[in-house]
C-alpha atoms as a PDB file:
ATOM      1  CA  MET A   1      11.840   5.130   0.697  1.00  0.00           C
ATOM      2  CA  PRO A   2      10.563   1.371   0.712  1.00  0.00           C
ATOM      3  CA  VAL A   3       8.833   0.203   3.536  1.00  0.00           C
ATOM      4  CA  ILE A   4       9.506  -2.710   5.485  1.00  0.00           C
ATOM      5  CA  THR A   5       6.915  -4.133   7.782  1.00  0.00           C
ATOM      6  CA  THR A   6       4.659  -7.370   9.246  1.00  0.00           C
ATOM      7  CA  LYS A   7       2.371  -8.891   8.382  1.00  0.00           C
ATOM      8  CA  GLY A   8       0.695  -7.741  11.677  1.00  0.00           C
ATOM      9  CA  ALA A   9       0.017  -4.869   9.966  1.00  0.00           C
ATOM     10  CA  PRO A  10      -2.826  -4.786   6.926  1.00  0.00           C
ATOM     11  CA  TRP A  11      -0.106  -3.434   4.079  1.00  0.00           C
ATOM     12  CA  GLU A  12      -0.188  -6.548   1.806  1.00  0.00           C
ATOM     13  CA  GLU A  13       0.210  -3.983  -1.078  1.00  0.00           C
ATOM     14  CA  LEU A  14       3.572  -3.090  -0.420  1.00  0.00           C
ATOM     15  CA  VAL A  15       4.269  -6.128  -2.171  1.00  0.00           C
ATOM     16  CA  THR A  16       1.583  -6.013  -4.748  1.00  0.00           C
ATOM     17  CA  HIS A  17       2.843  -3.169  -5.789  1.00  0.00           C
ATOM     18  CA  HIS A  18       6.608  -3.622  -5.382  1.00  0.00           C
ATOM     19  CA  CYS A  19       6.952  -0.648  -3.254  1.00  0.00           C
ATOM     20  CA  GLY A  20       8.409  -2.732  -0.020  1.00  0.00           C
ATOM     21  CA  TRP A  21       8.484  -5.742   2.105  1.00  0.00           C
ATOM     22  CA  TRP A  22       5.554  -7.658   4.207  1.00  0.00           C
ATOM     23  CA  THR A  23       7.488 -10.043   6.575  1.00  0.00           C
ATOM     24  CA  GLU A  24       6.248 -12.392   9.047  1.00  0.00           C
ATOM     25  CA  ILE A  25       7.048 -11.799  12.516  1.00  0.00           C
ATOM     26  CA  GLY A  26      10.152 -11.983  13.771  1.00  0.00           C
ATOM     27  CA  VAL A  27      13.294 -10.998  13.619  1.00  0.00           C
ATOM     28  CA  GLU A  28      14.980 -13.491  11.344  1.00  0.00           C
ATOM     29  CA  PRO A  29      12.367 -12.394   8.524  1.00  0.00           C
ATOM     30  CA  PHE A  30      12.742  -8.669   9.460  1.00  0.00           C
ATOM     31  CA  ALA A  31      16.496  -9.401   9.181  1.00  0.00           C
ATOM     32  CA  GLU A  32      16.136 -10.764   5.674  1.00  0.00           C
ATOM     33  CA  ALA A  33      13.990  -7.902   4.739  1.00  0.00           C
ATOM     34  CA  LEU A  34      16.745  -5.822   5.332  1.00  0.00           C
ATOM     35  CA  ARG A  35      19.219  -7.781   3.825  1.00  0.00           C
ATOM     36  CA  ASP A  36      17.010  -7.774   0.713  1.00  0.00           C
ATOM     37  CA  ALA A  37      16.876  -3.842   0.902  1.00  0.00           C
ATOM     38  CA  THR A  38      20.332  -3.153   1.688  1.00  0.00           C
ATOM     39  CA  SER A  39      21.370  -5.087  -1.764  1.00  0.00           C
ATOM     40  CA  LEU A  40      19.885  -3.202  -3.768  1.00  0.00           C
ATOM     41  CA  GLY A  41      21.067   0.299  -5.536  1.00  0.00           C
ATOM     42  CA  ASP A  42      19.765   3.261  -5.641  1.00  0.00           C
ATOM     43  CA  ASP A  43      17.994   3.710  -8.256  1.00  0.00           C
ATOM     44  CA  GLU A  44      15.776   0.234  -7.908  1.00  0.00           C
ATOM     45  CA  LEU A  45      15.347   2.030  -4.285  1.00  0.00           C
ATOM     46  CA  ARG A  46      14.016   4.925  -5.676  1.00  0.00           C
ATOM     47  CA  GLU A  47      12.161   3.176  -8.074  1.00  0.00           C
ATOM     48  CA  MET A  48      10.343   1.178  -5.209  1.00  0.00           C
ATOM     49  CA  GLY A  49       9.845   4.249  -2.982  1.00  0.00           C
ATOM     50  CA  GLN A  50       7.993   6.219  -6.249  1.00  0.00           C
ATOM     51  CA  ARG A  51       5.804   3.292  -6.372  1.00  0.00           C
ATOM     52  CA  GLY A  52       4.845   3.651  -2.679  1.00  0.00           C
ATOM     53  CA  ARG A  53       4.418   6.969  -2.945  1.00  0.00           C
ATOM     54  CA  LYS A  54       1.597   7.185  -6.021  1.00  0.00           C
ATOM     55  CA  LEU A  55       0.077   3.781  -4.197  1.00  0.00           C
ATOM     56  CA  VAL A  56      -0.671   6.416  -0.882  1.00  0.00           C
ATOM     57  CA  GLU A  57      -1.524   9.220  -3.115  1.00  0.00           C
ATOM     58  CA  ALA A  58      -4.021   7.047  -4.561  1.00  0.00           C
ATOM     59  CA  LYS A  59      -5.714   5.460  -1.959  1.00  0.00           C
ATOM     60  CA  TYR A  60      -4.311   6.828   1.501  1.00  0.00           C
ATOM     61  CA  THR A  61      -4.724  10.701   1.243  1.00  0.00           C
ATOM     62  CA  TRP A  62      -7.818  12.695   2.597  1.00  0.00           C
ATOM     63  CA  SER A  63      -8.879  13.827  -1.199  1.00  0.00           C
ATOM     64  CA  ALA A  64      -8.568   9.658  -1.835  1.00  0.00           C
ATOM     65  CA  ALA A  65     -10.864   8.586   1.072  1.00  0.00           C
ATOM     66  CA  SER A  66     -13.493  11.461   0.646  1.00  0.00           C
ATOM     67  CA  GLU A  67     -13.699  10.584  -2.670  1.00  0.00           C
ATOM     68  CA  LYS A  68     -14.314   7.010  -2.038  1.00  0.00           C
ATOM     69  CA  MET A  69     -16.935   7.946   0.527  1.00  0.00           C
ATOM     70  CA  GLY A  70     -18.658  10.397  -1.933  1.00  0.00           C
ATOM     71  CA  ALA A  71     -18.992   7.009  -4.329  1.00  0.00           C
ATOM     72  CA  VAL A  72     -20.458   5.093  -1.567  1.00  0.00           C
ATOM     73  CA  TYR A  73     -22.832   7.655  -0.837  1.00  0.00           C
ATOM     74  CA  ARG A  74     -23.863   7.956  -4.186  1.00  0.00           C
ATOM     75  CA  TRP A  75     -24.361   4.248  -4.663  1.00  0.00           C
ATOM     76  CA  MET A  76     -26.586   3.905  -1.343  1.00  0.00           C
ATOM     77  CA  LEU A  77     -28.539   6.941  -2.612  1.00  0.00           C
ATOM     78  CA  GLY A  78     -29.324   5.039  -6.057  1.00  0.00           C
ATOM     79  CA  GLN A  79     -27.259   8.019  -7.675  1.00  0.00           C
ATOM     80  CA  GLY A  80     -24.472   5.596  -8.786  1.00  0.00           C
ATOM     81  CA  ASP A  81     -22.861   2.131  -9.413  1.00  0.00           C
ATOM     82  CA  LYS A  82     -21.577  -0.033  -6.076  1.00  0.00           C
ATOM     83  CA  PRO A  83     -17.731   1.238  -5.980  1.00  0.00           C
ATOM     84  CA  ARG A  84     -15.731  -1.660  -7.177  1.00  0.00           C
ATOM     85  CA  ASP A  85     -13.467  -1.881  -3.486  1.00  0.00           C
ATOM     86  CA  TYR A  86     -16.795  -1.542  -1.593  1.00  0.00           C
ATOM     87  CA  VAL A  87     -16.124  -4.182   1.505  1.00  0.00           C
ATOM     88  CA  VAL A  88     -19.021  -4.474   3.786  1.00  0.00           C
END
């Protein structure tokens, strides 16, 4: 299922990956996101949910986190390039 959250959470990827809504904080923006979500058909909601699952699997699982950490350590030891999404 797609996700609805506020900009109080760091989840802009919901919008960039088309898997949910990232709204301003407040009742009206949240209500508008709910209206948008309930206006979509089952197929579109299912596709959004699948994109969200792929995003989580690619970036937020233990295996993805450990691979990123390993890449940082290899870079710090001079055994690889700086990871492209490394932020200080």
